[in-house]
Amino acid sequence: MGTILFYEKPGCQNNIRQKGILELSGHLVESVNLLRHPWTKEELSCYLGVKPVAECFNMAAPAVKSGAVNPVDFSKEEALDMMIKDPLLIRRPLMKIGNHCIQGFDRAALQNLINLKPAEDGDTIEETSGMKDMNSCHNFNNASCINQG
């Protein structure tokens, strides 16, 4: 199995579950604090890829939820600048697998790139937590994002 560089917000329950699925599949997960990493535009841009800019934002970030930041209002360059200044705006997780940079936890895309065990162990994590959606923040009061670990 491989090593996955996993950029997370420490304490994020989704990130904990996502790492669990990867580890149960036999992968070594090396965690990096997304909030403290010294991002450059070039590095972060690799993770955002070519998807629409609005899809690159963490919709649970306090600035987005409050309406202070509207993800559709920004060019990629502007979004990169904002995300470097406030990493809570970055949709998580970011993963580096070999020379592939990925944003978000898309099981189908990951299965095409790395071996994920068939459902059993991963689904147990999801069922136990009551979460089938491994990307949206289920912390309604957003306390875990306000506390920037």
Protein backbone atom coordinates (compact mmCIF):
# COMPACT_ATOMS: atom_id res chain seq x y z
CA MET A 1 0.00 0.00 0.00
CA GLY A 2 1.02 3.62 -0.28
CA THR A 3 1.66 6.68 1.83
CA ILE A 4 -0.88 9.49 1.65
CA LEU A 5 -0.01 13.03 2.67
CA PHE A 6 -3.28 14.17 4.26
CA TYR A 7 -3.82 17.89 4.87
CA GLU A 8 -6.46 18.28 7.56
CA LYS A 9 -7.83 20.58 10.19
CA PRO A 10 -6.89 18.84 13.44
CA GLY A 11 -10.01 17.77 15.30
CA CYS A 12 -12.26 17.82 12.22
CA GLN A 13 -14.54 14.81 12.63
CA ASN A 14 -14.89 14.28 8.86
CA ASN A 15 -11.10 14.26 8.45
CA ILE A 16 -10.79 11.70 11.26
CA ARG A 17 -13.32 9.42 9.54
CA GLN A 18 -11.72 9.92 6.13
CA LYS A 19 -8.27 9.01 7.48
CA GLY A 20 -9.83 5.95 9.13
CA ILE A 21 -11.12 4.67 5.80
CA LEU A 22 -7.69 5.15 4.21
CA GLU A 23 -5.91 3.44 7.12
CA LEU A 24 -8.37 0.52 7.16
CA SER A 25 -7.53 0.08 3.49
CA GLY A 26 -3.90 -0.45 4.47
CA HIS A 27 -2.50 2.96 3.59
CA LEU A 28 -0.07 4.93 5.71
CA VAL A 29 -1.59 8.35 6.33
CA GLU A 30 0.77 11.19 7.18
CA SER A 31 -1.26 14.07 8.65
CA VAL A 32 -0.35 17.70 8.06
CA ASN A 33 -2.09 20.64 9.74
CA LEU A 34 -3.70 22.46 6.81
CA LEU A 35 -4.03 25.63 8.91
CA ARG A 36 -0.32 25.88 9.72
CA HIS A 37 1.18 24.69 6.43
CA PRO A 38 3.08 27.48 4.58
CA TRP A 39 1.00 27.41 1.38
CA THR A 40 2.18 28.93 -1.86
CA LYS A 41 -0.12 29.73 -4.76
CA GLU A 42 1.58 27.15 -6.93
CA GLU A 43 1.23 24.34 -4.39
CA LEU A 44 -2.38 25.09 -3.45
CA SER A 45 -3.33 25.54 -7.10
CA CYS A 46 -2.28 21.94 -7.80
CA TYR A 47 -4.88 20.71 -5.30
CA LEU A 48 -7.67 22.92 -6.60
CA GLY A 49 -7.13 21.70 -10.14
CA VAL A 50 -9.48 22.80 -12.90
CA LYS A 51 -12.80 22.52 -11.09
CA PRO A 52 -14.96 25.63 -10.70
CA VAL A 53 -13.49 27.97 -8.07
CA ALA A 54 -16.66 27.91 -5.94
CA GLU A 55 -16.26 24.13 -5.48
CA CYS A 56 -12.83 24.68 -3.93
CA PHE A 57 -14.20 26.59 -0.94
CA ASN A 58 -15.11 25.02 2.39
CA MET A 59 -18.81 25.84 2.56
CA ALA A 60 -18.72 25.36 6.35
CA ALA A 61 -16.03 28.01 6.88
CA PRO A 62 -17.28 30.75 9.19
CA ALA A 63 -16.65 33.48 6.59
CA VAL A 64 -18.67 31.57 3.97
CA LYS A 65 -21.52 30.67 6.35
CA SER A 66 -21.79 34.26 7.58
CA GLY A 67 -22.00 35.57 4.01
CA ALA A 68 -18.79 37.59 4.34
CA VAL A 69 -17.29 35.46 1.55
CA ASN A 70 -19.32 34.35 -1.46
CA PRO A 71 -17.29 31.67 -3.30
CA VAL A 72 -18.80 32.51 -6.70
CA ASP A 73 -17.44 36.06 -6.58
CA PHE A 74 -13.76 35.19 -7.01
CA SER A 75 -11.32 34.30 -9.74
CA LYS A 76 -8.95 31.43 -9.07
CA GLU A 77 -6.12 33.90 -8.34
CA GLU A 78 -8.27 35.81 -5.85
CA ALA A 79 -9.45 32.58 -4.22
CA LEU A 80 -5.87 31.35 -3.83
CA ASP A 81 -4.88 34.61 -2.14
CA MET A 82 -7.84 34.40 0.24
CA MET A 83 -7.25 30.73 1.06
CA ILE A 84 -3.59 31.31 1.83
CA LYS A 85 -4.57 34.11 4.22
CA ASP A 86 -7.44 32.08 5.76
CA PRO A 87 -6.89 28.31 5.28
CA LEU A 88 -10.31 27.58 6.82
CA LEU A 89 -11.66 28.60 3.41
CA ILE A 90 -9.98 25.57 1.79
CA ARG A 91 -12.28 22.61 1.19
CA ARG A 92 -10.80 19.61 3.00
CA PRO A 93 -9.12 17.24 2.87
CA LEU A 94 -6.24 17.83 0.52
CA MET A 95 -4.32 14.65 -0.27
CA LYS A 96 -1.09 13.99 -2.10
CA ILE A 97 -0.81 10.45 -3.36
CA GLY A 98 2.35 9.91 -5.36
CA ASN A 99 2.34 12.86 -7.74
CA HIS A 100 -1.46 13.25 -7.65
CA CYS A 101 -2.97 16.18 -5.73
CA ILE A 102 -6.61 15.75 -4.71
CA GLN A 103 -9.11 18.02 -3.00
CA GLY A 104 -12.11 16.47 -1.24
CA PHE A 105 -12.88 12.87 -0.34
CA ASP A 106 -14.39 11.23 -3.41
CA ARG A 107 -14.38 7.48 -2.78
CA ALA A 108 -14.89 6.62 -6.45
CA ALA A 109 -11.98 8.82 -7.56
CA LEU A 110 -9.80 7.43 -4.78
CA GLN A 111 -10.71 3.86 -5.71
CA ASN A 112 -9.48 4.57 -9.24
CA LEU A 113 -6.20 5.91 -7.89
CA ILE A 114 -5.49 3.67 -4.88
CA ASN A 115 -6.84 0.47 -3.44
CA LEU A 116 -9.69 1.10 -1.03
CA LYS A 117 -11.04 -2.00 0.63
CA PRO A 118 -14.54 -2.88 -0.43
CA ALA A 119 -17.13 -1.30 1.77
CA GLU A 120 -16.99 -3.44 4.93
CA ASP A 121 -14.65 -1.52 7.24
CA GLY A 122 -15.17 1.88 5.65
CA ASP A 123 -18.94 1.56 5.73
CA THR A 124 -18.76 0.61 9.40
CA ILE A 125 -17.07 3.94 10.10
CA GLU A 126 -19.73 5.77 8.13
CA GLU A 127 -22.64 3.85 9.66
CA THR A 128 -21.30 4.21 13.20
CA SER A 129 -20.96 7.96 12.76
CA GLY A 130 -24.29 8.25 10.93
CA MET A 131 -22.44 9.91 8.05
CA LYS A 132 -22.71 8.83 4.46
CA ASP A 133 -21.53 12.24 3.24
CA MET A 134 -17.80 12.36 3.96
CA ASN A 135 -17.32 15.92 2.70
CA SER A 136 -19.94 18.20 4.24
CA CYS A 137 -19.47 19.54 7.73
CA HIS A 138 -22.05 18.10 10.09
CA ASN A 139 -21.02 20.33 12.97
CA PHE A 140 -24.04 22.65 12.89
CA ASN A 141 -22.66 25.30 15.22
CA ASN A 142 -19.31 25.21 13.38
CA ALA A 143 -17.41 25.29 16.69
CA SER A 144 -14.66 23.03 15.37
CA CYS A 145 -13.91 25.47 12.55
CA ILE A 146 -13.96 28.50 14.80
CA ASN A 147 -11.37 26.83 17.04
CA GLN A 148 -8.52 26.77 14.54
CA GLY A 149 -6.53 23.97 16.22
